[in-house]
Amino acid sequence: MMTGLDHEHSAAIDVAGNWLAQNPRNRLNQPVIPLLRERFGLSVAEAVEACRVASKAREAIDVSGT
């Protein structure tokens, strides 16, 4: 069962991942993990998970052709 805290962290990871998917890495002015940690208050593990979320979002966009 997911607690409120788990749900909150999950939402932060999703928000960060979706933000990253919409912002090309070549336009970011610093390494991605520290940027996500600073901007979204994530741990290292959560920032890595946000990168996975972003990758899956980009793949979905590529597959759908939009």
PDB file of N, CA and C in Angstrom:
ATOM      1  N   MET A   1       0.836  -1.178   0.000  1.00  0.00           N
ATOM      2  CA  MET A   1       0.000   0.000   0.000  1.00  0.00           C
ATOM      3  C   MET A   1       0.884   1.247   0.000  1.00  0.00           C
ATOM      4  N   MET A   2       0.535   2.207  -0.796  1.00  0.00           N
ATOM      5  CA  MET A   2       1.313   3.425  -0.926  1.00  0.00           C
ATOM      6  C   MET A   2       0.873   4.441   0.119  1.00  0.00           C
ATOM      7  N   THR A   3       1.831   4.982   0.861  1.00  0.00           N
ATOM      8  CA  THR A   3       1.488   6.005   1.845  1.00  0.00           C
ATOM      9  C   THR A   3       1.415   7.359   1.168  1.00  0.00           C
ATOM     10  N   GLY A   4       0.940   8.374   1.880  1.00  0.00           N
ATOM     11  CA  GLY A   4       0.891   9.726   1.334  1.00  0.00           C
ATOM     12  C   GLY A   4       2.260  10.210   0.932  1.00  0.00           C
ATOM     13  N   LEU A   5       3.274   9.890   1.739  1.00  0.00           N
ATOM     14  CA  LEU A   5       4.636  10.311   1.435  1.00  0.00           C
ATOM     15  C   LEU A   5       5.127   9.656   0.148  1.00  0.00           C
ATOM     16  N   ASP A   6       4.879   8.354  -0.007  1.00  0.00           N
ATOM     17  CA  ASP A   6       5.271   7.658  -1.235  1.00  0.00           C
ATOM     18  C   ASP A   6       4.594   8.287  -2.438  1.00  0.00           C
ATOM     19  N   HIS A   7       3.316   8.584  -2.309  1.00  0.00           N
ATOM     20  CA  HIS A   7       2.561   9.181  -3.411  1.00  0.00           C
ATOM     21  C   HIS A   7       3.139  10.550  -3.762  1.00  0.00           C
ATOM     22  N   GLU A   8       3.501  11.325  -2.737  1.00  0.00           N
ATOM     23  CA  GLU A   8       4.073  12.646  -2.970  1.00  0.00           C
ATOM     24  C   GLU A   8       5.390  12.536  -3.728  1.00  0.00           C
ATOM     25  N   HIS A   9       6.231  11.592  -3.320  1.00  0.00           N
ATOM     26  CA  HIS A   9       7.506  11.412  -4.009  1.00  0.00           C
ATOM     27  C   HIS A   9       7.287  10.920  -5.435  1.00  0.00           C
ATOM     28  N   SER A  10       6.356  10.029  -5.616  1.00  0.00           N
ATOM     29  CA  SER A  10       6.046   9.531  -6.945  1.00  0.00           C
ATOM     30  C   SER A  10       5.593  10.664  -7.854  1.00  0.00           C
ATOM     31  N   ALA A  11       4.765  11.538  -7.334  1.00  0.00           N
ATOM     32  CA  ALA A  11       4.293  12.668  -8.128  1.00  0.00           C
ATOM     33  C   ALA A  11       5.443  13.590  -8.494  1.00  0.00           C
ATOM     34  N   ALA A  12       6.357  13.832  -7.570  1.00  0.00           N
ATOM     35  CA  ALA A  12       7.512  14.695  -7.841  1.00  0.00           C
ATOM     36  C   ALA A  12       8.393  14.093  -8.929  1.00  0.00           C
ATOM     37  N   ILE A  13       8.567  12.797  -8.899  1.00  0.00           N
ATOM     38  CA  ILE A  13       9.362  12.111  -9.918  1.00  0.00           C
ATOM     39  C   ILE A  13       8.690  12.251 -11.279  1.00  0.00           C
ATOM     40  N   ASP A  14       7.385  12.056 -11.328  1.00  0.00           N
ATOM     41  CA  ASP A  14       6.649  12.189 -12.590  1.00  0.00           C
ATOM     42  C   ASP A  14       6.715  13.610 -13.135  1.00  0.00           C
ATOM     43  N   VAL A  15       6.556  14.589 -12.261  1.00  0.00           N
ATOM     44  CA  VAL A  15       6.631  15.991 -12.687  1.00  0.00           C
ATOM     45  C   VAL A  15       8.024  16.291 -13.243  1.00  0.00           C
ATOM     46  N   ALA A  16       9.051  15.863 -12.525  1.00  0.00           N
ATOM     47  CA  ALA A  16      10.422  16.104 -12.967  1.00  0.00           C
ATOM     48  C   ALA A  16      10.711  15.379 -14.285  1.00  0.00           C
ATOM     49  N   GLY A  17      10.250  14.148 -14.392  1.00  0.00           N
ATOM     50  CA  GLY A  17      10.472  13.381 -15.616  1.00  0.00           C
ATOM     51  C   GLY A  17       9.777  13.999 -16.814  1.00  0.00           C
ATOM     52  N   ASN A  18       8.555  14.447 -16.623  1.00  0.00           N
ATOM     53  CA  ASN A  18       7.825  15.085 -17.724  1.00  0.00           C
ATOM     54  C   ASN A  18       8.470  16.411 -18.111  1.00  0.00           C
ATOM     55  N   TRP A  19       8.936  17.159 -17.111  1.00  0.00           N
ATOM     56  CA  TRP A  19       9.639  18.415 -17.395  1.00  0.00           C
ATOM     57  C   TRP A  19      10.896  18.130 -18.217  1.00  0.00           C
ATOM     58  N   LEU A  20      11.647  17.112 -17.809  1.00  0.00           N
ATOM     59  CA  LEU A  20      12.883  16.766 -18.518  1.00  0.00           C
ATOM     60  C   LEU A  20      12.582  16.311 -19.946  1.00  0.00           C
ATOM     61  N   ALA A  21      11.521  15.560 -20.132  1.00  0.00           N
ATOM     62  CA  ALA A  21      11.161  15.086 -21.472  1.00  0.00           C
ATOM     63  C   ALA A  21      10.842  16.246 -22.408  1.00  0.00           C
ATOM     64  N   GLN A  22      10.338  17.350 -21.859  1.00  0.00           N
ATOM     65  CA  GLN A  22       9.958  18.505 -22.665  1.00  0.00           C
ATOM     66  C   GLN A  22      11.090  19.508 -22.871  1.00  0.00           C
ATOM     67  N   ASN A  23      12.210  19.297 -22.185  1.00  0.00           N
ATOM     68  CA  ASN A  23      13.351  20.209 -22.280  1.00  0.00           C
ATOM     69  C   ASN A  23      14.569  19.447 -22.779  1.00  0.00           C
ATOM     70  N   PRO A  24      14.957  19.644 -24.027  1.00  0.00           N
ATOM     71  CA  PRO A  24      16.088  18.912 -24.592  1.00  0.00           C
ATOM     72  C   PRO A  24      17.351  19.099 -23.751  1.00  0.00           C
ATOM     73  N   ARG A  25      18.045  18.002 -23.524  1.00  0.00           N
ATOM     74  CA  ARG A  25      19.239  18.036 -22.682  1.00  0.00           C
ATOM     75  C   ARG A  25      20.307  18.987 -23.204  1.00  0.00           C
ATOM     76  N   ASN A  26      20.383  19.154 -24.511  1.00  0.00           N
ATOM     77  CA  ASN A  26      21.414  20.058 -25.056  1.00  0.00           C
ATOM     78  C   ASN A  26      21.133  21.519 -24.719  1.00  0.00           C
ATOM     79  N   ARG A  27      19.946  21.827 -24.236  1.00  0.00           N
ATOM     80  CA  ARG A  27      19.612  23.201 -23.840  1.00  0.00           C
ATOM     81  C   ARG A  27      19.773  23.438 -22.341  1.00  0.00           C
ATOM     82  N   LEU A  28      20.026  22.372 -21.591  1.00  0.00           N
ATOM     83  CA  LEU A  28      20.215  22.509 -20.149  1.00  0.00           C
ATOM     84  C   LEU A  28      21.654  22.945 -19.888  1.00  0.00           C
ATOM     85  N   ASN A  29      21.828  23.838 -18.926  1.00  0.00           N
ATOM     86  CA  ASN A  29      23.142  24.427 -18.689  1.00  0.00           C
ATOM     87  C   ASN A  29      23.959  23.723 -17.626  1.00  0.00           C
ATOM     88  N   GLN A  30      23.499  22.569 -17.160  1.00  0.00           N
ATOM     89  CA  GLN A  30      24.245  21.825 -16.150  1.00  0.00           C
ATOM     90  C   GLN A  30      23.872  20.352 -16.240  1.00  0.00           C
ATOM     91  N   PRO A  31      24.645  19.499 -15.580  1.00  0.00           N
ATOM     92  CA  PRO A  31      24.321  18.065 -15.589  1.00  0.00           C
ATOM     93  C   PRO A  31      22.898  17.805 -15.082  1.00  0.00           C
ATOM     94  N   VAL A  32      22.258  16.806 -15.643  1.00  0.00           N
ATOM     95  CA  VAL A  32      20.845  16.553 -15.407  1.00  0.00           C
ATOM     96  C   VAL A  32      20.527  16.165 -13.958  1.00  0.00           C
ATOM     97  N   ILE A  33      21.266  15.250 -13.371  1.00  0.00           N
ATOM     98  CA  ILE A  33      20.940  14.775 -12.022  1.00  0.00           C
ATOM     99  C   ILE A  33      20.992  15.917 -11.004  1.00  0.00           C
ATOM    100  N   PRO A  34      22.087  16.690 -10.948  1.00  0.00           N
ATOM    101  CA  PRO A  34      22.090  17.813  -9.999  1.00  0.00           C
ATOM    102  C   PRO A  34      20.981  18.836 -10.292  1.00  0.00           C
ATOM    103  N   LEU A  35      20.682  19.049 -11.549  1.00  0.00           N
ATOM    104  CA  LEU A  35      19.625  19.982 -11.918  1.00  0.00           C
ATOM    105  C   LEU A  35      18.268  19.524 -11.389  1.00  0.00           C
ATOM    106  N   LEU A  36      17.952  18.251 -11.589  1.00  0.00           N
ATOM    107  CA  LEU A  36      16.682  17.715 -11.097  1.00  0.00           C
ATOM    108  C   LEU A  36      16.617  17.739  -9.574  1.00  0.00           C
ATOM    109  N   ARG A  37      17.733  17.436  -8.936  1.00  0.00           N
ATOM    110  CA  ARG A  37      17.774  17.466  -7.468  1.00  0.00           C
ATOM    111  C   ARG A  37      17.501  18.867  -6.944  1.00  0.00           C
ATOM    112  N   GLU A  38      18.126  19.846  -7.564  1.00  0.00           N
ATOM    113  CA  GLU A  38      17.960  21.228  -7.124  1.00  0.00           C
ATOM    114  C   GLU A  38      16.565  21.760  -7.447  1.00  0.00           C
ATOM    115  N   ARG A  39      16.138  21.545  -8.670  1.00  0.00           N
ATOM    116  CA  ARG A  39      14.875  22.124  -9.141  1.00  0.00           C
ATOM    117  C   ARG A  39      13.644  21.475  -8.507  1.00  0.00           C
ATOM    118  N   PHE A  40      13.708  20.145  -8.278  1.00  0.00           N
ATOM    119  CA  PHE A  40      12.535  19.416  -7.804  1.00  0.00           C
ATOM    120  C   PHE A  40      12.709  18.815  -6.407  1.00  0.00           C
ATOM    121  N   GLY A  41      13.855  19.027  -5.775  1.00  0.00           N
ATOM    122  CA  GLY A  41      14.080  18.521  -4.425  1.00  0.00           C
ATOM    123  C   GLY A  41      14.145  17.009  -4.335  1.00  0.00           C
ATOM    124  N   LEU A  42      14.699  16.365  -5.354  1.00  0.00           N
ATOM    125  CA  LEU A  42      14.759  14.906  -5.411  1.00  0.00           C
ATOM    126  C   LEU A  42      16.055  14.374  -4.822  1.00  0.00           C
ATOM    127  N   SER A  43      16.035  13.133  -4.395  1.00  0.00           N
ATOM    128  CA  SER A  43      17.256  12.425  -4.027  1.00  0.00           C
ATOM    129  C   SER A  43      17.939  11.983  -5.325  1.00  0.00           C
ATOM    130  N   VAL A  44      19.140  11.453  -5.202  1.00  0.00           N
ATOM    131  CA  VAL A  44      19.836  10.953  -6.397  1.00  0.00           C
ATOM    132  C   VAL A  44      19.014   9.839  -7.057  1.00  0.00           C
ATOM    133  N   ALA A  45      18.539   8.891  -6.250  1.00  0.00           N
ATOM    134  CA  ALA A  45      17.750   7.777  -6.797  1.00  0.00           C
ATOM    135  C   ALA A  45      16.472   8.284  -7.477  1.00  0.00           C
ATOM    136  N   GLU A  46      15.826   9.262  -6.880  1.00  0.00           N
ATOM    137  CA  GLU A  46      14.602   9.818  -7.471  1.00  0.00           C
ATOM    138  C   GLU A  46      14.912  10.555  -8.773  1.00  0.00           C
ATOM    139  N   ALA A  47      16.032  11.257  -8.822  1.00  0.00           N
ATOM    140  CA  ALA A  47      16.423  11.957 -10.043  1.00  0.00           C
ATOM    141  C   ALA A  47      16.710  10.962 -11.166  1.00  0.00           C
ATOM    142  N   VAL A  48      17.338   9.853 -10.827  1.00  0.00           N
ATOM    143  CA  VAL A  48      17.596   8.803 -11.822  1.00  0.00           C
ATOM    144  C   VAL A  48      16.268   8.239 -12.319  1.00  0.00           C
ATOM    145  N   GLU A  49      15.335   8.004 -11.413  1.00  0.00           N
ATOM    146  CA  GLU A  49      14.013   7.513 -11.810  1.00  0.00           C
ATOM    147  C   GLU A  49      13.299   8.531 -12.696  1.00  0.00           C
ATOM    148  N   ALA A  50      13.453   9.815 -12.398  1.00  0.00           N
ATOM    149  CA  ALA A  50      12.855  10.860 -13.238  1.00  0.00           C
ATOM    150  C   ALA A  50      13.446  10.804 -14.649  1.00  0.00           C
ATOM    151  N   CYS A  51      14.715  10.487 -14.762  1.00  0.00           N
ATOM    152  CA  CYS A  51      15.339  10.328 -16.089  1.00  0.00           C
ATOM    153  C   CYS A  51      14.705   9.161 -16.835  1.00  0.00           C
ATOM    154  N   ARG A  52      14.394   8.100 -16.118  1.00  0.00           N
ATOM    155  CA  ARG A  52      13.703   6.953 -16.743  1.00  0.00           C
ATOM    156  C   ARG A  52      12.314   7.361 -17.226  1.00  0.00           C
ATOM    157  N   VAL A  53      11.608   8.126 -16.395  1.00  0.00           N
ATOM    158  CA  VAL A  53      10.278   8.620 -16.778  1.00  0.00           C
ATOM    159  C   VAL A  53      10.393   9.455 -18.053  1.00  0.00           C
ATOM    160  N   ALA A  54      11.399  10.328 -18.104  1.00  0.00           N
ATOM    161  CA  ALA A  54      11.598  11.181 -19.282  1.00  0.00           C
ATOM    162  C   ALA A  54      11.896  10.344 -20.516  1.00  0.00           C
ATOM    163  N   SER A  55      12.732   9.335 -20.355  1.00  0.00           N
ATOM    164  CA  SER A  55      13.083   8.477 -21.485  1.00  0.00           C
ATOM    165  C   SER A  55      11.847   7.760 -22.033  1.00  0.00           C
ATOM    166  N   LYS A  56      11.025   7.233 -21.135  1.00  0.00           N
ATOM    167  CA  LYS A  56       9.797   6.555 -21.572  1.00  0.00           C
ATOM    168  C   LYS A  56       8.842   7.536 -22.253  1.00  0.00           C
ATOM    169  N   ALA A  57       8.771   8.754 -21.741  1.00  0.00           N
ATOM    170  CA  ALA A  57       7.902   9.764 -22.353  1.00  0.00           C
ATOM    171  C   ALA A  57       8.389  10.106 -23.752  1.00  0.00           C
ATOM    172  N   ARG A  58       9.706  10.250 -23.905  1.00  0.00           N
ATOM    173  CA  ARG A  58      10.266  10.544 -25.240  1.00  0.00           C
ATOM    174  C   ARG A  58      10.004   9.396 -26.201  1.00  0.00           C
ATOM    175  N   GLU A  59      10.161   8.161 -25.731  1.00  0.00           N
ATOM    176  CA  GLU A  59       9.897   6.991 -26.569  1.00  0.00           C
ATOM    177  C   GLU A  59       8.440   6.967 -27.016  1.00  0.00           C
ATOM    178  N   ALA A  60       7.536   7.292 -26.115  1.00  0.00           N
ATOM    179  CA  ALA A  60       6.104   7.314 -26.459  1.00  0.00           C
ATOM    180  C   ALA A  60       5.827   8.362 -27.523  1.00  0.00           C
ATOM    181  N   ILE A  61       6.482   9.505 -27.428  1.00  0.00           N
ATOM    182  CA  ILE A  61       6.316  10.548 -28.429  1.00  0.00           C
ATOM    183  C   ILE A  61       6.866  10.085 -29.766  1.00  0.00           C
ATOM    184  N   ASP A  62       8.043   9.451 -29.743  1.00  0.00           N
ATOM    185  CA  ASP A  62       8.661   8.964 -30.991  1.00  0.00           C
ATOM    186  C   ASP A  62       7.786   7.896 -31.658  1.00  0.00           C
ATOM    187  N   VAL A  63       7.218   7.014 -30.878  1.00  0.00           N
ATOM    188  CA  VAL A  63       6.378   5.932 -31.426  1.00  0.00           C
ATOM    189  C   VAL A  63       5.086   6.496 -32.013  1.00  0.00           C
ATOM    190  N   SER A  64       4.509   7.475 -31.333  1.00  0.00           N
ATOM    191  CA  SER A  64       3.244   8.037 -31.806  1.00  0.00           C
ATOM    192  C   SER A  64       3.435   8.990 -32.980  1.00  0.00           C
ATOM    193  N   GLY A  65       4.682   9.460 -33.148  1.00  0.00           N
ATOM    194  CA  GLY A  65       4.968  10.334 -34.273  1.00  0.00           C
ATOM    195  C   GLY A  65       4.592  11.789 -34.053  1.00  0.00           C
ATOM    196  N   THR A  66       4.306  12.160 -32.822  1.00  0.00           N
ATOM    197  CA  THR A  66       3.945  13.556 -32.542  1.00  0.00           C
ATOM    198  C   THR A  66       5.080  14.293 -31.885  1.00  0.00           C
TER     199      THR A  66
END
